[in-house]
Every structure is written in structure tokens, then in C-alpha cells.
Amino acid sequence: PKKTDIDQHTRQKVAIYDAYLKRYLPIISYGGFPRINIYDACSGKGKYGDFDGSAVTACKNILLHQRCAPPEGFFLYLNEPDSVNRDELVEACQHDFVVQIGNQAADDFIATSCAHEPPGHQLWFIDPYGYTQVRKSSIEKIMNQKYSEILLFLPLSFIYRFLKKEHDDINLKPIETFLNDFGIAQTEASSCNDSIEFADLIVSKLQGQYGFSGHATMKENANRYSLIFISKRLIGLEKFLEARDRIL
């Protein structure tokens, strides 16, 4: 289960998500889409004391932008595999626009959701627990949808050190496989001078495959964490970068 004490980088990534939604929801609401679908693959509890997690942040933004909603409205799909967290999530997110609160592993939730793609625009927030794998095939399923965007959280420093063989942590093996699937080899990671260059490398690979990508990289003590944005739409990237620069 996710921790109840909130790290600085956690506060920052949720703040970036919040700033992004505030900037982008009004734009895509008038973009000709019948509906806007927001997915959170690892929602957690929703609230942690006085801190709003990603799911509650999405709820507040939907409520804030109801007056400019597309014809069919906003729809929020949440998922939380831990039963205790899920009970609190249900309590925190009691709104008519919450379509479901699933209990699957992230990859399974993504596969199920993409198999029944509703019309409209799809926005995904994916913050895996610890070093849990989210396979490339899951990213492919999302990006194969006609209108879709992803915000994906990565513990950048840990992955970077592992790929450079600065330490050998078997828990990071799935993420190494994930990055290798996207064409990022150990030799390329080793050629990066620091974790920021490594984040730039990840973004360049994703841009080559999907069109537009950027990163918001947060520093906490000696570690860096990245929120990676992937989209086929330039305007989405622009609003993500605006949100990043506003918060960081």
C-alpha cells in the first residue's frame, strides 16, 4: 500500500497533474470530443490526511470544469488493487462521473479499459507502486487509441543507477526490461552524464515512437523522479510543460 507520509516529489507530481488538468481540460472540452475519459491505473486511497492524491485531484478538476464539459460530460475510471486502500478511495470519490473503481493489477486494468474504448479523448495517469512493471504492451494499447495521452511516473535515479550497474537490485529488473522494450540499452544509459540526460534520452525515444513527449523531473535529496508525458498532440505537450514550469 502507498505510504501515508507524503514525500516532496509526490506532492510535486500531483501538483503538476493538477496544474495540467486546469490548463488542458478547458481546451479539450471544446475540441469537438463527445466526452473526456480520465483513467488512474494506481489510484491509492484518494486522500492522505489533508493531502489530495491523484484521484481526488481529478475529481476536483472535473467539478471545477463542469460548466465547460463536452456534450456527454467527463468520466473518471479509477483502479486500486489493494482492498484497504480501495475502501478509502470509494469513500473519497463518491461522484456521479466516477464510472468504476476497479481492483486489478495496472496492466490488467489498462488492457480491460482499452478493449472497450469509449468515444472521446482518453487521458491516463499511471503511477505504479514502487518498482512494479507496466509493460510496453500496455503503453502501446493506450497510444493505439485515436486520441490518448499518458502521464507516467518513473523513479528515475534508481533506474539510471541500475542500468549503469552502480548497484544490482533485482526489484528493478522489470523496469530495465520495460526500458529495453523501448530501445534504451545499458550502453546508452552509461553514456548519459547524469539522470537528467537519462530522462532526456527516454523522452527522445518516446517522441520517435509516439510524436510528442516531455518530462518533469523532481529532485529530492540525492534522488530524482520523473513524470513522463506522452501524446500525439502538440497542444497537450505545451500544457504539460506549462504545468511543469509553474510547479517546479
C-alpha atoms as a PDB file:
ATOM      1  CA  PRO A   1       0.000   0.000   0.000  1.00  0.00           C
ATOM      2  CA  LYS A   2       1.104   3.574  -0.616  1.00  0.00           C
ATOM      3  CA  LYS A   3       2.649   5.391   2.324  1.00  0.00           C
ATOM      4  CA  THR A   4       0.633   7.852   4.398  1.00  0.00           C
ATOM      5  CA  ASP A   5       3.562  10.285   4.834  1.00  0.00           C
ATOM      6  CA  ILE A   6       3.817  12.369   1.693  1.00  0.00           C
ATOM      7  CA  ASP A   7       7.217  12.939   0.097  1.00  0.00           C
ATOM      8  CA  GLN A   8       8.104  16.212  -1.582  1.00  0.00           C
ATOM      9  CA  HIS A   9       8.286  14.633  -5.047  1.00  0.00           C
ATOM     10  CA  THR A  10       4.838  13.093  -4.530  1.00  0.00           C
ATOM     11  CA  ARG A  11       3.382  16.493  -3.702  1.00  0.00           C
ATOM     12  CA  GLN A  12       5.087  17.963  -6.762  1.00  0.00           C
ATOM     13  CA  LYS A  13       3.947  15.329  -9.251  1.00  0.00           C
ATOM     14  CA  VAL A  14       0.318  15.604  -8.088  1.00  0.00           C
ATOM     15  CA  ALA A  15       0.608  19.406  -8.246  1.00  0.00           C
ATOM     16  CA  ILE A  16       1.845  19.125 -11.841  1.00  0.00           C
ATOM     17  CA  TYR A  17      -1.063  16.803 -12.663  1.00  0.00           C
ATOM     18  CA  ASP A  18      -3.445  19.322 -11.095  1.00  0.00           C
ATOM     19  CA  ALA A  19      -1.922  22.263 -12.996  1.00  0.00           C
ATOM     20  CA  TYR A  20      -2.032  20.256 -16.218  1.00  0.00           C
ATOM     21  CA  LEU A  21      -5.725  19.414 -15.829  1.00  0.00           C
ATOM     22  CA  LYS A  22      -6.559  23.045 -15.061  1.00  0.00           C
ATOM     23  CA  ARG A  23      -4.872  24.140 -18.277  1.00  0.00           C
ATOM     24  CA  TYR A  24      -5.883  21.315 -20.587  1.00  0.00           C
ATOM     25  CA  LEU A  25      -9.432  20.289 -19.668  1.00  0.00           C
ATOM     26  CA  PRO A  26     -10.952  23.586 -20.907  1.00  0.00           C
ATOM     27  CA  ILE A  27      -9.116  23.179 -24.227  1.00  0.00           C
ATOM     28  CA  ILE A  28     -10.126  19.599 -24.983  1.00  0.00           C
ATOM     29  CA  SER A  29     -13.649  20.264 -23.688  1.00  0.00           C
ATOM     30  CA  TYR A  30     -14.132  22.491 -26.719  1.00  0.00           C
ATOM     31  CA  GLY A  31     -12.134  20.224 -29.031  1.00  0.00           C
ATOM     32  CA  GLY A  32     -15.126  18.504 -30.614  1.00  0.00           C
ATOM     33  CA  PHE A  33     -14.929  15.350 -28.456  1.00  0.00           C
ATOM     34  CA  PRO A  34     -18.251  13.867 -27.294  1.00  0.00           C
ATOM     35  CA  ARG A  35     -16.735  13.018 -23.894  1.00  0.00           C
ATOM     36  CA  ILE A  36     -13.481  13.103 -21.940  1.00  0.00           C
ATOM     37  CA  ASN A  37     -12.349   9.931 -20.176  1.00  0.00           C
ATOM     38  CA  ILE A  38      -9.733  10.118 -17.405  1.00  0.00           C
ATOM     39  CA  TYR A  39      -8.055   6.947 -16.098  1.00  0.00           C
ATOM     40  CA  ASP A  40      -5.966   6.447 -12.970  1.00  0.00           C
ATOM     41  CA  ALA A  41      -4.370   2.992 -13.034  1.00  0.00           C
ATOM     42  CA  CYS A  42      -2.986   3.029  -9.452  1.00  0.00           C
ATOM     43  CA  SER A  43      -5.227   5.372  -7.519  1.00  0.00           C
ATOM     44  CA  GLY A  44      -4.241   4.667  -3.908  1.00  0.00           C
ATOM     45  CA  LYS A  45      -6.514   5.937  -1.143  1.00  0.00           C
ATOM     46  CA  GLY A  46      -7.558   9.160  -2.802  1.00  0.00           C
ATOM     47  CA  LYS A  47      -6.760  11.233   0.306  1.00  0.00           C
ATOM     48  CA  TYR A  48      -3.843  11.080   2.741  1.00  0.00           C
ATOM     49  CA  GLY A  49      -4.764  13.273   5.682  1.00  0.00           C
ATOM     50  CA  ASP A  50      -5.004  16.794   4.258  1.00  0.00           C
ATOM     51  CA  PHE A  51      -3.266  15.798   1.016  1.00  0.00           C
ATOM     52  CA  ASP A  52      -5.298  15.065  -2.118  1.00  0.00           C
ATOM     53  CA  GLY A  53      -3.940  12.178  -4.183  1.00  0.00           C
ATOM     54  CA  SER A  54      -4.282  11.912  -7.944  1.00  0.00           C
ATOM     55  CA  ALA A  55      -7.843  10.522  -7.876  1.00  0.00           C
ATOM     56  CA  VAL A  56      -9.260  13.285  -5.677  1.00  0.00           C
ATOM     57  CA  THR A  57      -7.293  15.841  -7.707  1.00  0.00           C
ATOM     58  CA  ALA A  58      -9.019  14.579 -10.857  1.00  0.00           C
ATOM     59  CA  CYS A  59     -12.411  14.720  -9.122  1.00  0.00           C
ATOM     60  CA  LYS A  60     -11.884  18.335  -8.055  1.00  0.00           C
ATOM     61  CA  ASN A  61     -10.853  19.356 -11.559  1.00  0.00           C
ATOM     62  CA  ILE A  62     -13.877  17.670 -13.104  1.00  0.00           C
ATOM     63  CA  LEU A  63     -16.144  19.513 -10.668  1.00  0.00           C
ATOM     64  CA  LEU A  64     -14.324  22.770 -11.425  1.00  0.00           C
ATOM     65  CA  HIS A  65     -14.801  22.385 -15.182  1.00  0.00           C
ATOM     66  CA  GLN A  66     -18.354  21.020 -15.318  1.00  0.00           C
ATOM     67  CA  ARG A  67     -19.620  24.229 -16.901  1.00  0.00           C
ATOM     68  CA  CYS A  68     -17.418  23.651 -19.960  1.00  0.00           C
ATOM     69  CA  ALA A  69     -17.888  19.873 -20.127  1.00  0.00           C
ATOM     70  CA  PRO A  70     -18.294  18.255 -23.587  1.00  0.00           C
ATOM     71  CA  PRO A  71     -21.804  17.081 -24.606  1.00  0.00           C
ATOM     72  CA  GLU A  72     -21.640  13.718 -22.815  1.00  0.00           C
ATOM     73  CA  GLY A  73     -19.517  15.009 -19.935  1.00  0.00           C
ATOM     74  CA  PHE A  74     -16.419  13.882 -18.037  1.00  0.00           C
ATOM     75  CA  PHE A  75     -15.927  10.248 -16.954  1.00  0.00           C
ATOM     76  CA  LEU A  76     -13.404   9.059 -14.371  1.00  0.00           C
ATOM     77  CA  TYR A  77     -12.157   5.471 -14.231  1.00  0.00           C
ATOM     78  CA  LEU A  78     -10.196   4.550 -11.096  1.00  0.00           C
ATOM     79  CA  ASN A  79      -8.322   1.392 -10.165  1.00  0.00           C
ATOM     80  CA  GLU A  80      -6.793   0.248  -6.875  1.00  0.00           C
ATOM     81  CA  PRO A  81      -5.657  -3.358  -6.316  1.00  0.00           C
ATOM     82  CA  ASP A  82      -5.286  -3.057  -2.525  1.00  0.00           C
ATOM     83  CA  SER A  83      -8.619  -3.682  -0.785  1.00  0.00           C
ATOM     84  CA  VAL A  84      -7.965  -1.413   2.217  1.00  0.00           C
ATOM     85  CA  ASN A  85      -6.880   1.481   0.005  1.00  0.00           C
ATOM     86  CA  ARG A  86      -9.824   0.842  -2.304  1.00  0.00           C
ATOM     87  CA  ASP A  87     -12.350   1.156   0.539  1.00  0.00           C
ATOM     88  CA  GLU A  88     -10.959   4.591   1.378  1.00  0.00           C
ATOM     89  CA  LEU A  89     -10.856   5.509  -2.323  1.00  0.00           C
ATOM     90  CA  VAL A  90     -14.558   4.700  -2.703  1.00  0.00           C
ATOM     91  CA  GLU A  91     -15.310   6.935   0.259  1.00  0.00           C
ATOM     92  CA  ALA A  92     -13.207   9.813  -1.101  1.00  0.00           C
ATOM     93  CA  CYS A  93     -14.542   9.707  -4.671  1.00  0.00           C
ATOM     94  CA  GLN A  94     -18.326   9.499  -4.435  1.00  0.00           C
ATOM     95  CA  HIS A  95     -19.357  11.346  -7.575  1.00  0.00           C
ATOM     96  CA  ASP A  96     -21.722  10.540 -10.426  1.00  0.00           C
ATOM     97  CA  PHE A  97     -18.930  10.892 -13.001  1.00  0.00           C
ATOM     98  CA  VAL A  98     -16.867   8.107 -11.370  1.00  0.00           C
ATOM     99  CA  VAL A  99     -17.695   5.223 -13.691  1.00  0.00           C
ATOM    100  CA  GLN A 100     -15.873   2.471 -11.830  1.00  0.00           C
ATOM    101  CA  ILE A 101     -13.309   1.752  -9.157  1.00  0.00           C
ATOM    102  CA  GLY A 102     -11.525  -1.405 -10.261  1.00  0.00           C
ATOM    103  CA  ASN A 103      -9.387  -3.827  -8.284  1.00  0.00           C
ATOM    104  CA  GLN A 104      -6.978  -5.116 -10.952  1.00  0.00           C
ATOM    105  CA  ALA A 105      -3.243  -5.030 -11.465  1.00  0.00           C
ATOM    106  CA  ALA A 106      -2.317  -1.955 -13.512  1.00  0.00           C
ATOM    107  CA  ASP A 107      -1.583  -3.883 -16.719  1.00  0.00           C
ATOM    108  CA  ASP A 108      -4.863  -5.775 -16.468  1.00  0.00           C
ATOM    109  CA  PHE A 109      -6.823  -2.574 -15.854  1.00  0.00           C
ATOM    110  CA  ILE A 110      -5.201  -0.953 -18.881  1.00  0.00           C
ATOM    111  CA  ALA A 111      -5.932  -3.976 -21.075  1.00  0.00           C
ATOM    112  CA  THR A 112      -9.572  -4.144 -19.971  1.00  0.00           C
ATOM    113  CA  SER A 113     -10.130  -0.413 -20.389  1.00  0.00           C
ATOM    114  CA  CYS A 114      -8.539  -0.272 -23.835  1.00  0.00           C
ATOM    115  CA  ALA A 115     -10.502  -3.287 -25.055  1.00  0.00           C
ATOM    116  CA  HIS A 116     -13.717  -1.293 -24.578  1.00  0.00           C
ATOM    117  CA  GLU A 117     -12.558   2.096 -25.784  1.00  0.00           C
ATOM    118  CA  PRO A 118     -15.335   4.669 -25.313  1.00  0.00           C
ATOM    119  CA  PRO A 119     -15.604   7.525 -27.806  1.00  0.00           C
ATOM    120  CA  GLY A 120     -13.826  10.757 -26.996  1.00  0.00           C
ATOM    121  CA  HIS A 121     -10.485  11.758 -25.537  1.00  0.00           C
ATOM    122  CA  GLN A 122      -8.531   9.443 -23.206  1.00  0.00           C
ATOM    123  CA  LEU A 123      -6.154  10.801 -20.544  1.00  0.00           C
ATOM    124  CA  TRP A 124      -4.155   8.344 -18.430  1.00  0.00           C
ATOM    125  CA  PHE A 125      -2.310   8.939 -15.146  1.00  0.00           C
ATOM    126  CA  ILE A 126      -0.092   5.954 -14.299  1.00  0.00           C
ATOM    127  CA  ASP A 127       1.858   5.939 -11.034  1.00  0.00           C
ATOM    128  CA  PRO A 128       2.938   2.330 -10.415  1.00  0.00           C
ATOM    129  CA  TYR A 129       3.614   1.147  -6.883  1.00  0.00           C
ATOM    130  CA  GLY A 130       7.337   1.084  -6.103  1.00  0.00           C
ATOM    131  CA  TYR A 131       9.048  -0.660  -8.994  1.00  0.00           C
ATOM    132  CA  THR A 132       6.024  -2.518 -10.327  1.00  0.00           C
ATOM    133  CA  GLN A 133       6.228  -3.185 -14.036  1.00  0.00           C
ATOM    134  CA  VAL A 134       3.961  -1.536 -16.544  1.00  0.00           C
ATOM    135  CA  ARG A 135       4.712  -3.342 -19.775  1.00  0.00           C
ATOM    136  CA  LYS A 136       5.344  -1.667 -23.109  1.00  0.00           C
ATOM    137  CA  SER A 137       2.343  -3.527 -24.460  1.00  0.00           C
ATOM    138  CA  SER A 138       0.189  -1.544 -22.022  1.00  0.00           C
ATOM    139  CA  ILE A 139       1.585   1.760 -23.274  1.00  0.00           C
ATOM    140  CA  GLU A 140       1.002   0.545 -26.839  1.00  0.00           C
ATOM    141  CA  LYS A 141      -2.632  -0.291 -26.073  1.00  0.00           C
ATOM    142  CA  ILE A 142      -3.232   3.233 -24.797  1.00  0.00           C
ATOM    143  CA  MET A 143      -1.374   5.017 -27.580  1.00  0.00           C
ATOM    144  CA  ASN A 144      -3.111   2.916 -30.246  1.00  0.00           C
ATOM    145  CA  GLN A 145      -6.322   4.674 -29.292  1.00  0.00           C
ATOM    146  CA  LYS A 146      -7.204   7.534 -31.591  1.00  0.00           C
ATOM    147  CA  TYR A 147      -6.979  10.330 -29.001  1.00  0.00           C
ATOM    148  CA  SER A 148      -4.904   9.492 -25.950  1.00  0.00           C
ATOM    149  CA  GLU A 149      -2.262  10.915 -23.648  1.00  0.00           C
ATOM    150  CA  ILE A 150      -0.260   9.462 -20.759  1.00  0.00           C
ATOM    151  CA  LEU A 151       1.430  10.832 -17.664  1.00  0.00           C
ATOM    152  CA  LEU A 152       3.740   8.071 -16.410  1.00  0.00           C
ATOM    153  CA  PHE A 153       5.754   8.297 -13.183  1.00  0.00           C
ATOM    154  CA  LEU A 154       9.248   6.764 -13.026  1.00  0.00           C
ATOM    155  CA  PRO A 155      11.740   6.618 -10.106  1.00  0.00           C
ATOM    156  CA  LEU A 156      14.445   7.939 -12.405  1.00  0.00           C
ATOM    157  CA  SER A 157      17.590   7.823 -10.255  1.00  0.00           C
ATOM    158  CA  PHE A 158      17.045   4.229  -9.210  1.00  0.00           C
ATOM    159  CA  ILE A 159      16.564   3.069 -12.795  1.00  0.00           C
ATOM    160  CA  TYR A 160      19.533   5.105 -14.005  1.00  0.00           C
ATOM    161  CA  ARG A 161      21.882   3.690 -11.363  1.00  0.00           C
ATOM    162  CA  PHE A 162      20.703   0.184 -12.055  1.00  0.00           C
ATOM    163  CA  LEU A 163      21.225   0.464 -15.820  1.00  0.00           C
ATOM    164  CA  LYS A 164      24.691   1.886 -15.202  1.00  0.00           C
ATOM    165  CA  LYS A 165      25.343  -1.099 -12.923  1.00  0.00           C
ATOM    166  CA  GLU A 166      26.078   1.153  -9.955  1.00  0.00           C
ATOM    167  CA  HIS A 167      24.038  -1.270  -7.891  1.00  0.00           C
ATOM    168  CA  ASP A 168      22.276  -4.553  -8.577  1.00  0.00           C
ATOM    169  CA  ASP A 169      18.723  -4.557  -7.299  1.00  0.00           C
ATOM    170  CA  ILE A 170      16.589  -7.441  -8.531  1.00  0.00           C
ATOM    171  CA  ASN A 171      13.464  -5.349  -7.821  1.00  0.00           C
ATOM    172  CA  LEU A 172      14.451  -3.058 -10.697  1.00  0.00           C
ATOM    173  CA  LYS A 173      14.781  -5.830 -13.260  1.00  0.00           C
ATOM    174  CA  PRO A 174      11.217  -5.358 -14.593  1.00  0.00           C
ATOM    175  CA  ILE A 175      11.854  -1.658 -15.254  1.00  0.00           C
ATOM    176  CA  GLU A 176      15.086  -2.480 -17.051  1.00  0.00           C
ATOM    177  CA  THR A 177      13.051  -4.797 -19.282  1.00  0.00           C
ATOM    178  CA  PHE A 178      10.434  -2.067 -19.769  1.00  0.00           C
ATOM    179  CA  LEU A 179      13.031   0.483 -20.904  1.00  0.00           C
ATOM    180  CA  ASN A 180      14.834  -2.035 -23.086  1.00  0.00           C
ATOM    181  CA  ASP A 181      11.499  -2.668 -24.807  1.00  0.00           C
ATOM    182  CA  PHE A 182      11.534   0.998 -25.790  1.00  0.00           C
ATOM    183  CA  GLY A 183      15.009   0.684 -27.254  1.00  0.00           C
ATOM    184  CA  ILE A 184      17.003   2.090 -24.319  1.00  0.00           C
ATOM    185  CA  ALA A 185      20.089  -0.048 -23.839  1.00  0.00           C
ATOM    186  CA  GLN A 186      22.572  -0.172 -20.992  1.00  0.00           C
ATOM    187  CA  THR A 187      25.249   1.348 -23.233  1.00  0.00           C
ATOM    188  CA  GLU A 188      23.064   4.387 -23.912  1.00  0.00           C
ATOM    189  CA  ALA A 189      22.309   4.822 -20.222  1.00  0.00           C
ATOM    190  CA  SER A 190      26.013   4.622 -19.454  1.00  0.00           C
ATOM    191  CA  SER A 191      26.740   7.399 -21.937  1.00  0.00           C
ATOM    192  CA  CYS A 192      24.471   9.815 -20.037  1.00  0.00           C
ATOM    193  CA  ASN A 193      26.353  12.089 -17.648  1.00  0.00           C
ATOM    194  CA  ASP A 194      23.521  12.281 -15.131  1.00  0.00           C
ATOM    195  CA  SER A 195      19.901  11.310 -14.561  1.00  0.00           C
ATOM    196  CA  ILE A 196      18.584  14.440 -16.321  1.00  0.00           C
ATOM    197  CA  GLU A 197      20.321  13.392 -19.533  1.00  0.00           C
ATOM    198  CA  PHE A 198      18.833   9.957 -18.958  1.00  0.00           C
ATOM    199  CA  ALA A 199      15.337  11.494 -18.742  1.00  0.00           C
ATOM    200  CA  ASP A 200      16.048  13.355 -21.992  1.00  0.00           C
ATOM    201  CA  LEU A 201      17.045  10.035 -23.565  1.00  0.00           C
ATOM    202  CA  ILE A 202      13.776   8.393 -22.510  1.00  0.00           C
ATOM    203  CA  VAL A 203      11.785  11.304 -23.927  1.00  0.00           C
ATOM    204  CA  SER A 204      13.659  11.216 -27.250  1.00  0.00           C
ATOM    205  CA  LYS A 205      12.850   7.514 -27.648  1.00  0.00           C
ATOM    206  CA  LEU A 206       9.175   8.074 -26.860  1.00  0.00           C
ATOM    207  CA  GLN A 207       8.979  11.027 -29.246  1.00  0.00           C
ATOM    208  CA  GLY A 208      10.303   8.823 -32.021  1.00  0.00           C
ATOM    209  CA  GLN A 209       7.515   6.337 -31.433  1.00  0.00           C
ATOM    210  CA  TYR A 210       4.511   8.446 -30.445  1.00  0.00           C
ATOM    211  CA  GLY A 211       5.015  12.031 -31.576  1.00  0.00           C
ATOM    212  CA  PHE A 212       5.409  14.252 -28.515  1.00  0.00           C
ATOM    213  CA  SER A 213       6.961  13.652 -25.117  1.00  0.00           C
ATOM    214  CA  GLY A 214       8.421  15.646 -22.256  1.00  0.00           C
ATOM    215  CA  HIS A 215       9.450  15.169 -18.656  1.00  0.00           C
ATOM    216  CA  ALA A 216       9.053  16.927 -15.333  1.00  0.00           C
ATOM    217  CA  THR A 217      11.975  15.767 -13.216  1.00  0.00           C
ATOM    218  CA  MET A 218      11.849  16.401  -9.487  1.00  0.00           C
ATOM    219  CA  LYS A 219      14.780  16.304  -7.075  1.00  0.00           C
ATOM    220  CA  GLU A 220      14.504  15.058  -3.514  1.00  0.00           C
ATOM    221  CA  ASN A 221      17.723  14.633  -1.553  1.00  0.00           C
ATOM    222  CA  ALA A 222      20.084  12.663  -3.818  1.00  0.00           C
ATOM    223  CA  ASN A 223      17.320  11.162  -5.945  1.00  0.00           C
ATOM    224  CA  ARG A 224      15.373  12.316  -8.982  1.00  0.00           C
ATOM    225  CA  TYR A 225      11.903  11.278 -10.070  1.00  0.00           C
ATOM    226  CA  SER A 226      10.282  11.924 -13.442  1.00  0.00           C
ATOM    227  CA  LEU A 227       6.732  12.396 -14.606  1.00  0.00           C
ATOM    228  CA  ILE A 228       6.887  11.454 -18.290  1.00  0.00           C
ATOM    229  CA  PHE A 229       4.289  12.841 -20.699  1.00  0.00           C
ATOM    230  CA  ILE A 230       3.393  11.051 -23.963  1.00  0.00           C
ATOM    231  CA  SER A 231       0.963  12.369 -26.574  1.00  0.00           C
ATOM    232  CA  LYS A 232       0.166  12.624 -30.260  1.00  0.00           C
ATOM    233  CA  ARG A 233      -0.966  16.237 -29.773  1.00  0.00           C
ATOM    234  CA  LEU A 234       1.425  19.176 -29.530  1.00  0.00           C
ATOM    235  CA  ILE A 235      -1.050  21.240 -27.511  1.00  0.00           C
ATOM    236  CA  GLY A 236      -1.089  18.556 -24.823  1.00  0.00           C
ATOM    237  CA  LEU A 237       2.691  18.702 -24.510  1.00  0.00           C
ATOM    238  CA  GLU A 238       2.595  22.506 -24.378  1.00  0.00           C
ATOM    239  CA  LYS A 239       0.153  22.471 -21.463  1.00  0.00           C
ATOM    240  CA  PHE A 240       2.156  19.789 -19.661  1.00  0.00           C
ATOM    241  CA  LEU A 241       5.335  21.873 -19.950  1.00  0.00           C
ATOM    242  CA  GLU A 242       3.470  24.947 -18.730  1.00  0.00           C
ATOM    243  CA  ALA A 243       2.259  22.978 -15.712  1.00  0.00           C
ATOM    244  CA  ARG A 244       5.751  21.634 -15.051  1.00  0.00           C
ATOM    245  CA  ASP A 245       7.328  25.086 -15.176  1.00  0.00           C
ATOM    246  CA  ARG A 246       4.601  26.523 -12.953  1.00  0.00           C
ATOM    247  CA  ILE A 247       5.214  23.953 -10.205  1.00  0.00           C
ATOM    248  CA  LEU A 248       8.950  23.311 -10.481  1.00  0.00           C
END
